[in-house]
Each structure stands twice: as C-alpha cells, then as structure tokens.
Amino acid sequence: MSKKRKSLTKEEIDVIAQYQWANITDIMNIGAIGRNKARDVFNIISDMFYGEKDKVHNGLVPMDMVLEYFCIPKINVVSINNDVNI
C-alpha cells in the first residue's frame, strides 16, 4: 500500500517557488507525488527544456517549467522599498 504524500500549503509552495531551479525533491513536494513519478516529471521537463541539445546532468530543471507543469501560477516578487532614494 502506498503512502499518501502531504499536499503543501500555498505559503510553502511560494517559498519553494522562489528558487530558479528545482530538483526531484522540490518536484515531489510541489506535486505531492512520490519519487518515481517525480523522476518521470523531471524527465519530461528536462526533455522539453534541453530539446535536442546535450543534457546537463546536474539534477535541476527550471522552476518556472515545474510550476507550469502542475498548473501553479507564478508568484510576483514585490519589492518593499520601491520609493527609497539612494
């Protein structure tokens, strides 16, 4: 019997989504999926990102593509000090 993964809250996803790159653990957490399914998702995104080019085997894919795969809207980072005179 498989173990049910805990779905992350919006705030937890926002923290992970701030990074530029995602690894398999990030994909597991964002998608609430297991390691094997996360590897499948990683390979799909990796193939889309690298296309015909040689793949870089660093275990990372763009976070934007991960969020897009799971239909999660990107967060907008807003600067708190917009009107500071330097």
N, C-alpha and C. Protein backbone atom coordinates (compact mmCIF):
# COMPACT_ATOMS: atom_id res chain seq x y z
N MET A 1 0.84 -1.17 0.00
CA MET A 1 0.00 0.00 0.00
C MET A 1 0.89 1.24 0.00
N SER A 2 0.57 2.17 -0.88
CA SER A 2 1.42 3.35 -1.00
C SER A 2 1.09 4.37 0.09
N LYS A 3 2.08 5.16 0.40
CA LYS A 3 1.95 6.18 1.43
C LYS A 3 1.43 7.47 0.79
N LYS A 4 0.46 8.11 1.38
CA LYS A 4 -0.11 9.36 0.86
C LYS A 4 0.81 10.52 1.23
N ARG A 5 1.20 11.29 0.22
CA ARG A 5 2.06 12.45 0.47
C ARG A 5 1.21 13.64 0.89
N LYS A 6 1.74 14.44 1.78
CA LYS A 6 1.06 15.63 2.26
C LYS A 6 1.13 16.73 1.21
N SER A 7 0.01 17.34 0.91
CA SER A 7 -0.02 18.48 0.00
C SER A 7 0.49 19.71 0.74
N LEU A 8 1.27 20.51 0.05
CA LEU A 8 1.81 21.71 0.66
C LEU A 8 0.78 22.83 0.63
N THR A 9 0.89 23.76 1.57
CA THR A 9 0.05 24.94 1.57
C THR A 9 0.58 25.93 0.54
N LYS A 10 -0.21 26.94 0.23
CA LYS A 10 0.20 27.97 -0.73
C LYS A 10 1.49 28.65 -0.27
N GLU A 11 1.58 28.92 1.01
CA GLU A 11 2.76 29.59 1.55
C GLU A 11 4.01 28.72 1.40
N GLU A 12 3.87 27.42 1.63
CA GLU A 12 5.01 26.51 1.49
C GLU A 12 5.45 26.42 0.02
N ILE A 13 4.48 26.38 -0.89
CA ILE A 13 4.82 26.35 -2.31
C ILE A 13 5.49 27.66 -2.73
N ASP A 14 5.01 28.79 -2.21
CA ASP A 14 5.61 30.09 -2.53
C ASP A 14 7.08 30.14 -2.12
N VAL A 15 7.41 29.54 -0.98
CA VAL A 15 8.80 29.53 -0.51
C VAL A 15 9.67 28.71 -1.48
N ILE A 16 9.19 27.54 -1.87
CA ILE A 16 9.96 26.69 -2.80
C ILE A 16 10.04 27.36 -4.17
N ALA A 17 8.96 28.01 -4.61
CA ALA A 17 8.88 28.59 -5.95
C ALA A 17 9.80 29.80 -6.13
N GLN A 18 10.37 30.33 -5.07
CA GLN A 18 11.27 31.48 -5.18
C GLN A 18 12.60 31.10 -5.83
N TYR A 19 12.93 29.83 -5.83
CA TYR A 19 14.20 29.40 -6.40
C TYR A 19 14.11 29.33 -7.92
N GLN A 20 15.22 29.51 -8.59
CA GLN A 20 15.25 29.47 -10.04
C GLN A 20 15.21 28.05 -10.58
N TRP A 21 15.79 27.11 -9.84
CA TRP A 21 15.89 25.72 -10.29
C TRP A 21 15.20 24.80 -9.31
N ALA A 22 14.71 23.66 -9.83
CA ALA A 22 14.04 22.66 -8.99
C ALA A 22 14.73 21.31 -9.13
N ASN A 23 14.82 20.59 -8.03
CA ASN A 23 15.35 19.23 -8.08
C ASN A 23 14.18 18.25 -7.89
N ILE A 24 14.49 16.98 -7.83
CA ILE A 24 13.43 15.97 -7.73
C ILE A 24 12.66 16.10 -6.41
N THR A 25 13.33 16.44 -5.34
CA THR A 25 12.64 16.62 -4.06
C THR A 25 11.65 17.77 -4.13
N ASP A 26 12.03 18.87 -4.79
CA ASP A 26 11.11 20.00 -4.97
C ASP A 26 9.88 19.57 -5.78
N ILE A 27 10.11 18.79 -6.83
CA ILE A 27 9.01 18.30 -7.66
C ILE A 27 8.10 17.39 -6.84
N MET A 28 8.69 16.54 -6.00
CA MET A 28 7.91 15.67 -5.13
C MET A 28 7.02 16.49 -4.19
N ASN A 29 7.58 17.53 -3.61
CA ASN A 29 6.84 18.35 -2.66
C ASN A 29 5.76 19.19 -3.34
N ILE A 30 6.08 19.81 -4.45
CA ILE A 30 5.11 20.66 -5.14
C ILE A 30 3.95 19.83 -5.69
N GLY A 31 4.26 18.68 -6.27
CA GLY A 31 3.22 17.86 -6.87
C GLY A 31 2.56 16.88 -5.93
N ALA A 32 3.06 16.77 -4.71
CA ALA A 32 2.56 15.79 -3.73
C ALA A 32 2.58 14.39 -4.36
N ILE A 33 3.72 14.05 -4.97
CA ILE A 33 3.88 12.76 -5.65
C ILE A 33 5.11 12.06 -5.11
N GLY A 34 5.24 10.80 -5.43
CA GLY A 34 6.37 10.00 -4.98
C GLY A 34 7.60 10.20 -5.86
N ARG A 35 8.68 9.56 -5.46
CA ARG A 35 9.97 9.72 -6.16
C ARG A 35 9.92 9.24 -7.61
N ASN A 36 9.29 8.10 -7.88
CA ASN A 36 9.26 7.58 -9.24
C ASN A 36 8.47 8.50 -10.18
N LYS A 37 7.32 8.96 -9.73
CA LYS A 37 6.52 9.89 -10.54
C LYS A 37 7.27 11.22 -10.70
N ALA A 38 7.97 11.66 -9.66
CA ALA A 38 8.74 12.90 -9.74
C ALA A 38 9.87 12.76 -10.76
N ARG A 39 10.48 11.58 -10.84
CA ARG A 39 11.51 11.34 -11.86
C ARG A 39 10.92 11.40 -13.26
N ASP A 40 9.71 10.86 -13.43
CA ASP A 40 9.03 10.94 -14.73
C ASP A 40 8.77 12.39 -15.11
N VAL A 41 8.27 13.18 -14.16
CA VAL A 41 8.00 14.60 -14.41
C VAL A 41 9.32 15.32 -14.72
N PHE A 42 10.36 15.02 -13.94
CA PHE A 42 11.67 15.63 -14.16
C PHE A 42 12.16 15.35 -15.58
N ASN A 43 12.02 14.09 -16.04
CA ASN A 43 12.48 13.71 -17.38
C ASN A 43 11.66 14.41 -18.47
N ILE A 44 10.36 14.55 -18.27
CA ILE A 44 9.51 15.26 -19.25
C ILE A 44 9.95 16.72 -19.36
N ILE A 45 10.13 17.38 -18.22
CA ILE A 45 10.52 18.79 -18.22
C ILE A 45 11.93 18.94 -18.77
N SER A 46 12.82 18.04 -18.41
CA SER A 46 14.20 18.08 -18.90
C SER A 46 14.23 17.95 -20.42
N ASP A 47 13.43 17.03 -20.97
CA ASP A 47 13.38 16.86 -22.43
C ASP A 47 12.83 18.13 -23.10
N MET A 48 11.82 18.75 -22.49
CA MET A 48 11.26 19.98 -23.07
C MET A 48 12.28 21.12 -23.00
N PHE A 49 13.01 21.21 -21.90
CA PHE A 49 13.95 22.32 -21.70
C PHE A 49 15.18 22.18 -22.59
N TYR A 50 15.76 20.99 -22.63
CA TYR A 50 17.00 20.80 -23.36
C TYR A 50 16.78 20.47 -24.83
N GLY A 51 15.65 19.89 -25.18
CA GLY A 51 15.37 19.54 -26.56
C GLY A 51 16.43 18.63 -27.14
N GLU A 52 16.97 19.00 -28.28
CA GLU A 52 17.98 18.20 -28.97
C GLU A 52 19.40 18.44 -28.43
N LYS A 53 19.56 19.45 -27.60
CA LYS A 53 20.88 19.75 -27.04
C LYS A 53 21.29 18.67 -26.05
N ASP A 54 22.58 18.57 -25.80
CA ASP A 54 23.07 17.65 -24.78
C ASP A 54 22.55 18.09 -23.42
N LYS A 55 22.08 17.15 -22.65
CA LYS A 55 21.55 17.46 -21.33
C LYS A 55 22.70 17.66 -20.35
N VAL A 56 22.50 18.59 -19.45
CA VAL A 56 23.43 18.79 -18.35
C VAL A 56 22.91 17.92 -17.21
N HIS A 57 23.71 17.04 -16.72
CA HIS A 57 23.28 16.09 -15.70
C HIS A 57 23.55 16.64 -14.29
N ASN A 58 22.92 17.79 -14.00
CA ASN A 58 23.10 18.38 -12.68
C ASN A 58 21.89 18.13 -11.78
N GLY A 59 20.86 17.46 -12.30
CA GLY A 59 19.69 17.15 -11.49
C GLY A 59 18.77 18.31 -11.25
N LEU A 60 18.84 19.34 -12.10
CA LEU A 60 18.00 20.52 -11.92
C LEU A 60 17.25 20.86 -13.20
N VAL A 61 16.04 21.37 -13.05
CA VAL A 61 15.25 21.89 -14.16
C VAL A 61 14.69 23.25 -13.73
N PRO A 62 14.29 24.10 -14.69
CA PRO A 62 13.77 25.42 -14.33
C PRO A 62 12.48 25.32 -13.50
N MET A 63 12.44 26.09 -12.42
CA MET A 63 11.28 26.09 -11.53
C MET A 63 10.03 26.56 -12.27
N ASP A 64 10.17 27.53 -13.18
CA ASP A 64 9.03 28.02 -13.94
C ASP A 64 8.33 26.89 -14.70
N MET A 65 9.11 25.99 -15.27
CA MET A 65 8.54 24.88 -16.02
C MET A 65 7.86 23.87 -15.10
N VAL A 66 8.39 23.70 -13.90
CA VAL A 66 7.76 22.81 -12.92
C VAL A 66 6.41 23.37 -12.51
N LEU A 67 6.37 24.66 -12.20
CA LEU A 67 5.11 25.30 -11.81
C LEU A 67 4.09 25.24 -12.95
N GLU A 68 4.56 25.46 -14.16
CA GLU A 68 3.69 25.39 -15.33
C GLU A 68 3.14 23.96 -15.51
N TYR A 69 3.97 22.97 -15.31
CA TYR A 69 3.55 21.57 -15.44
C TYR A 69 2.41 21.24 -14.48
N PHE A 70 2.50 21.74 -13.26
CA PHE A 70 1.47 21.48 -12.25
C PHE A 70 0.36 22.53 -12.24
N CYS A 71 0.36 23.44 -13.23
CA CYS A 71 -0.66 24.50 -13.36
C CYS A 71 -0.74 25.37 -12.11
N ILE A 72 0.42 25.75 -11.61
CA ILE A 72 0.50 26.63 -10.45
C ILE A 72 0.96 27.99 -10.95
N PRO A 73 0.18 29.05 -10.68
CA PRO A 73 0.58 30.38 -11.16
C PRO A 73 1.85 30.85 -10.47
N LYS A 74 2.66 31.59 -11.22
CA LYS A 74 3.90 32.12 -10.67
C LYS A 74 3.58 33.24 -9.70
N ILE A 75 4.41 33.35 -8.68
CA ILE A 75 4.22 34.45 -7.73
C ILE A 75 5.00 35.65 -8.23
N ASN A 76 4.49 36.83 -7.92
CA ASN A 76 5.18 38.05 -8.27
C ASN A 76 5.93 38.55 -7.05
N VAL A 77 7.22 38.73 -7.20
CA VAL A 77 8.03 39.22 -6.09
C VAL A 77 7.95 40.74 -6.11
N VAL A 78 7.47 41.29 -5.03
CA VAL A 78 7.28 42.74 -4.94
C VAL A 78 8.32 43.29 -3.99
N SER A 79 8.99 44.33 -4.42
CA SER A 79 9.97 44.97 -3.57
C SER A 79 9.24 45.83 -2.53
N ILE A 80 9.69 45.77 -1.30
CA ILE A 80 9.05 46.52 -0.22
C ILE A 80 9.47 47.98 -0.27
N ASN A 81 10.70 48.25 -0.68
CA ASN A 81 11.24 49.60 -0.68
C ASN A 81 11.26 50.18 -2.09
N ASN A 82 10.11 50.40 -2.68
CA ASN A 82 10.05 50.91 -4.04
C ASN A 82 10.46 52.38 -4.13
N ASP A 83 10.16 53.16 -3.11
CA ASP A 83 10.41 54.59 -3.22
C ASP A 83 11.53 55.07 -2.30
N VAL A 84 12.57 54.31 -2.18
CA VAL A 84 13.72 54.69 -1.37
C VAL A 84 14.69 55.46 -2.26
N ASN A 85 15.10 56.62 -1.81
CA ASN A 85 16.07 57.44 -2.55
C ASN A 85 17.49 57.03 -2.12
N ILE A 86 18.30 56.72 -3.10
CA ILE A 86 19.68 56.34 -2.79
C ILE A 86 20.62 57.44 -3.21
